[in-house]
Protein backbone atom coordinates (compact mmCIF):
# COMPACT_ATOMS: atom_id res chain seq x y z
CA MET A 1 -22.21 -47.83 -3.30
CA ILE A 2 -20.33 -46.85 -6.12
CA SER A 3 -17.95 -44.18 -5.76
CA ALA A 4 -16.67 -42.15 -8.88
CA ILE A 5 -12.79 -43.24 -8.33
CA GLN A 6 -14.45 -46.63 -9.02
CA GLU A 7 -15.44 -45.90 -11.75
CA LEU A 8 -13.40 -43.96 -13.46
CA THR A 9 -10.84 -46.46 -12.37
CA ALA A 10 -12.31 -48.86 -14.50
CA ILE A 11 -13.16 -46.98 -17.51
CA ARG A 12 -9.15 -46.21 -17.90
CA ASP A 13 -8.26 -49.90 -17.40
CA ARG A 14 -10.34 -50.77 -20.36
CA ILE A 15 -9.07 -47.95 -22.30
CA LYS A 16 -5.17 -48.41 -21.13
CA PRO A 17 -4.55 -51.28 -24.69
CA ALA A 18 -4.96 -48.14 -26.74
CA ILE A 19 -1.62 -46.72 -25.70
CA HIS A 20 -0.23 -49.27 -27.55
CA GLY A 21 -2.98 -49.68 -30.23
CA GLY A 22 -4.26 -52.93 -29.06
CA LEU A 23 -7.46 -51.75 -28.61
CA ARG A 24 -10.11 -52.30 -30.56
CA LEU A 25 -13.82 -50.90 -29.40
CA SER A 26 -17.41 -52.16 -31.17
CA SER A 27 -20.21 -49.57 -31.22
CA GLU A 28 -21.78 -52.22 -27.47
CA ASP A 29 -18.28 -51.11 -26.03
CA THR A 30 -18.29 -47.29 -27.15
CA ALA A 31 -22.27 -46.96 -25.08
CA ALA A 32 -21.03 -48.85 -22.24
CA LEU A 33 -17.64 -46.92 -22.02
CA VAL A 34 -20.10 -44.12 -22.34
CA ARG A 35 -22.91 -44.99 -19.75
CA GLN A 36 -19.71 -45.98 -17.51
CA LEU A 37 -18.65 -41.93 -18.46
CA ASN A 38 -22.67 -40.89 -17.80
CA THR A 39 -22.32 -42.38 -14.18
CA THR A 40 -19.34 -41.42 -12.76
CA ILE A 41 -20.55 -37.56 -14.03
CA GLU A 42 -23.18 -37.88 -12.10
CA LEU A 43 -21.50 -38.74 -9.17
CA VAL A 44 -19.62 -35.87 -9.69
CA ARG A 45 -22.65 -33.74 -9.49
CA GLU A 46 -23.88 -35.11 -6.93
CA THR A 47 -20.94 -34.87 -4.51
CA GLU A 48 -20.30 -31.29 -5.90
CA ASP A 49 -24.07 -30.31 -4.90
CA GLU A 50 -23.85 -31.97 -1.40
CA LYS A 51 -20.16 -30.31 -0.52
CA ARG A 52 -21.94 -26.52 -1.78
CA ILE A 53 -24.78 -27.46 0.52
CA ILE A 54 -22.38 -28.01 3.79
CA GLU A 55 -20.29 -24.95 2.49
CA LEU A 56 -23.69 -22.93 2.89
CA ALA A 57 -24.63 -24.25 6.17
CA LEU A 58 -21.13 -23.46 7.50
CA GLN A 59 -21.14 -20.09 6.32
CA ALA A 60 -24.45 -19.39 7.98
CA ARG A 61 -23.63 -20.34 10.77
CA HIS A 62 -20.72 -19.05 11.15
CA VAL A 63 -22.15 -15.20 10.57
CA GLY A 64 -24.89 -16.40 13.26
CA ARG A 65 -27.36 -17.09 10.85
CA PRO A 66 -30.52 -19.58 11.45
CA ARG A 67 -28.54 -23.27 11.54
CA LEU A 68 -29.56 -25.44 8.78
CA GLN A 69 -29.70 -29.11 9.74
CA LEU A 70 -28.61 -32.15 7.15
CA VAL A 71 -30.77 -34.67 7.97
CA ARG A 72 -30.41 -38.43 7.06
CA GLN A 73 -33.57 -39.60 5.80
CA THR A 74 -34.68 -43.07 7.32
CA GLY A 75 -37.95 -44.78 7.32
CA ALA A 76 -38.46 -44.68 11.60
CA PRO A 77 -39.84 -41.73 12.44
CA PRO A 78 -38.45 -38.81 14.82
CA ALA A 79 -37.82 -39.41 18.09
């Protein structure tokens, strides 16, 4: 699984040479960086959504509402 940290680190390492003027980007290089950034943005968005779901479940549990269960989906039917 790719993490947002790994993607951001790779992007940073690719553009670091620009600090000293040693980076020349072709349109293909730029397109690749944009794709990496899009992937990273999506990973962060998914993480924020998951965090929000967990926070709502914890709040519901705290105030005594019916518990929300987070279920991991697998190929096997429930036991």
